[in-house]
Amino acid sequence: MLWTRNHFKNVLQRQKERIEEVNARFDKRKDLSKGASKKLEFNHPELSSIEQKKLKAKMKSKMKRDNFNDYVLYFLIFLVLFISFYFFMN
């Protein structure tokens, strides 16, 4: 009988601890939302319009190159699957 009472007390204690953890999480969220009115400042250099255009062109060319590489990879995977399917069916 003593074991069941201790067990029951431990279960109640764990439930209370879980509830406290959940409440602490919500309290942290409230604290974070209170500081949302502050504006974040980043330390990045200011770019002139010419530098911005060069950066945009560089990023676009990199994206096009990456997209092309992805398409080549997809094509090769499709080709390998198609050839392997063809050999297994014949």
C-alpha atoms as a PDB file:
ATOM      1  CA  MET A   1       0.000   0.000   0.000  1.00  0.00           C
ATOM      2  CA  LEU A   2       2.880   2.327   0.747  1.00  0.00           C
ATOM      3  CA  TRP A   3       4.295   1.832  -2.755  1.00  0.00           C
ATOM      4  CA  THR A   4       1.045   2.890  -4.436  1.00  0.00           C
ATOM      5  CA  ARG A   5       0.779   6.052  -2.323  1.00  0.00           C
ATOM      6  CA  ASN A   6       4.345   7.062  -3.202  1.00  0.00           C
ATOM      7  CA  HIS A   7       3.729   6.217  -6.805  1.00  0.00           C
ATOM      8  CA  PHE A   8       0.585   8.349  -6.841  1.00  0.00           C
ATOM      9  CA  LYS A   9       2.464  11.255  -5.237  1.00  0.00           C
ATOM     10  CA  ASN A  10       5.201  10.975  -7.842  1.00  0.00           C
ATOM     11  CA  VAL A  11       2.656  10.983 -10.655  1.00  0.00           C
ATOM     12  CA  LEU A  12       1.029  14.125  -9.255  1.00  0.00           C
ATOM     13  CA  GLN A  13       4.437  15.769  -8.869  1.00  0.00           C
ATOM     14  CA  ARG A  14       5.342  15.005 -12.512  1.00  0.00           C
ATOM     15  CA  GLN A  15       2.003  16.420 -13.696  1.00  0.00           C
ATOM     16  CA  LYS A  16       2.616  19.625 -11.755  1.00  0.00           C
ATOM     17  CA  GLU A  17       6.115  19.898 -13.238  1.00  0.00           C
ATOM     18  CA  ARG A  18       4.748  19.459 -16.776  1.00  0.00           C
ATOM     19  CA  ILE A  19       2.117  22.134 -16.190  1.00  0.00           C
ATOM     20  CA  GLU A  20       4.799  24.482 -14.832  1.00  0.00           C
ATOM     21  CA  GLU A  21       6.954  23.838 -17.922  1.00  0.00           C
ATOM     22  CA  VAL A  22       4.060  24.650 -20.251  1.00  0.00           C
ATOM     23  CA  ASN A  23       3.236  27.819 -18.348  1.00  0.00           C
ATOM     24  CA  ALA A  24       6.904  28.843 -18.439  1.00  0.00           C
ATOM     25  CA  ARG A  25       6.926  28.419 -22.225  1.00  0.00           C
ATOM     26  CA  PHE A  26       3.909  30.684 -22.597  1.00  0.00           C
ATOM     27  CA  ASP A  27       5.476  33.238 -20.261  1.00  0.00           C
ATOM     28  CA  LYS A  28       8.610  33.276 -22.443  1.00  0.00           C
ATOM     29  CA  ARG A  29       6.474  33.915 -25.524  1.00  0.00           C
ATOM     30  CA  LYS A  30       4.771  36.843 -23.817  1.00  0.00           C
ATOM     31  CA  ASP A  31       8.142  38.294 -22.903  1.00  0.00           C
ATOM     32  CA  LEU A  32       9.289  38.018 -26.512  1.00  0.00           C
ATOM     33  CA  SER A  33       6.176  39.720 -27.838  1.00  0.00           C
ATOM     34  CA  LYS A  34       6.657  42.672 -25.485  1.00  0.00           C
ATOM     35  CA  GLY A  35      10.012  43.501 -27.066  1.00  0.00           C
ATOM     36  CA  ALA A  36       8.650  43.469 -30.611  1.00  0.00           C
ATOM     37  CA  SER A  37       8.243  47.247 -30.641  1.00  0.00           C
ATOM     38  CA  LYS A  38      12.018  47.669 -30.638  1.00  0.00           C
ATOM     39  CA  LYS A  39      13.563  47.982 -34.081  1.00  0.00           C
ATOM     40  CA  LEU A  40      16.423  45.637 -34.863  1.00  0.00           C
ATOM     41  CA  GLU A  41      19.567  47.179 -36.254  1.00  0.00           C
ATOM     42  CA  PHE A  42      21.888  45.305 -38.557  1.00  0.00           C
ATOM     43  CA  ASN A  43      25.478  46.205 -39.220  1.00  0.00           C
ATOM     44  CA  HIS A  44      25.662  45.824 -42.984  1.00  0.00           C
ATOM     45  CA  PRO A  45      27.301  48.199 -45.424  1.00  0.00           C
ATOM     46  CA  GLU A  46      25.189  50.573 -47.477  1.00  0.00           C
ATOM     47  CA  LEU A  47      25.408  49.797 -51.191  1.00  0.00           C
ATOM     48  CA  SER A  48      25.176  52.340 -53.950  1.00  0.00           C
ATOM     49  CA  SER A  49      22.673  51.750 -56.753  1.00  0.00           C
ATOM     50  CA  ILE A  50      25.418  50.575 -59.121  1.00  0.00           C
ATOM     51  CA  GLU A  51      26.698  48.067 -56.572  1.00  0.00           C
ATOM     52  CA  GLN A  52      23.133  46.878 -55.965  1.00  0.00           C
ATOM     53  CA  LYS A  53      22.605  46.307 -59.699  1.00  0.00           C
ATOM     54  CA  LYS A  54      25.875  44.368 -59.937  1.00  0.00           C
ATOM     55  CA  LEU A  55      24.906  42.277 -56.922  1.00  0.00           C
ATOM     56  CA  LYS A  56      21.457  41.555 -58.376  1.00  0.00           C
ATOM     57  CA  ALA A  57      22.959  40.535 -61.730  1.00  0.00           C
ATOM     58  CA  LYS A  58      25.463  38.289 -59.965  1.00  0.00           C
ATOM     59  CA  MET A  59      22.712  36.647 -57.908  1.00  0.00           C
ATOM     60  CA  LYS A  60      20.486  36.137 -60.968  1.00  0.00           C
ATOM     61  CA  SER A  61      23.302  34.509 -62.947  1.00  0.00           C
ATOM     62  CA  LYS A  62      24.080  32.224 -59.998  1.00  0.00           C
ATOM     63  CA  MET A  63      20.402  31.253 -59.705  1.00  0.00           C
ATOM     64  CA  LYS A  64      20.203  30.504 -63.441  1.00  0.00           C
ATOM     65  CA  ARG A  65      23.353  28.378 -63.243  1.00  0.00           C
ATOM     66  CA  ASP A  66      22.000  26.504 -60.217  1.00  0.00           C
ATOM     67  CA  ASN A  67      18.640  25.932 -61.922  1.00  0.00           C
ATOM     68  CA  PHE A  68      20.403  24.601 -65.010  1.00  0.00           C
ATOM     69  CA  ASN A  69      22.479  22.250 -62.866  1.00  0.00           C
ATOM     70  CA  ASP A  70      19.312  21.026 -61.168  1.00  0.00           C
ATOM     71  CA  TYR A  71      17.622  20.358 -64.506  1.00  0.00           C
ATOM     72  CA  VAL A  72      20.642  18.417 -65.752  1.00  0.00           C
ATOM     73  CA  LEU A  73      20.644  16.356 -62.571  1.00  0.00           C
ATOM     74  CA  TYR A  74      16.906  15.622 -62.866  1.00  0.00           C
ATOM     75  CA  PHE A  75      17.338  14.649 -66.503  1.00  0.00           C
ATOM     76  CA  LEU A  76      20.185  12.261 -65.671  1.00  0.00           C
ATOM     77  CA  ILE A  77      18.189  10.655 -62.864  1.00  0.00           C
ATOM     78  CA  PHE A  78      15.197  10.245 -65.174  1.00  0.00           C
ATOM     79  CA  LEU A  79      17.413   8.795 -67.896  1.00  0.00           C
ATOM     80  CA  VAL A  80      19.007   6.270 -65.520  1.00  0.00           C
ATOM     81  CA  LEU A  81      15.609   5.211 -64.184  1.00  0.00           C
ATOM     82  CA  PHE A  82      14.180   4.904 -67.681  1.00  0.00           C
ATOM     83  CA  ILE A  83      17.118   2.813 -68.918  1.00  0.00           C
ATOM     84  CA  SER A  84      17.053   0.560 -65.870  1.00  0.00           C
ATOM     85  CA  PHE A  85      13.294   0.091 -66.252  1.00  0.00           C
ATOM     86  CA  TYR A  86      13.766  -0.740 -69.924  1.00  0.00           C
ATOM     87  CA  PHE A  87      16.408  -3.397 -69.183  1.00  0.00           C
ATOM     88  CA  PHE A  88      14.357  -5.014 -66.445  1.00  0.00           C
ATOM     89  CA  MET A  89      11.261  -5.208 -68.611  1.00  0.00           C
ATOM     90  CA  ASN A  90      13.076  -6.873 -71.533  1.00  0.00           C
END
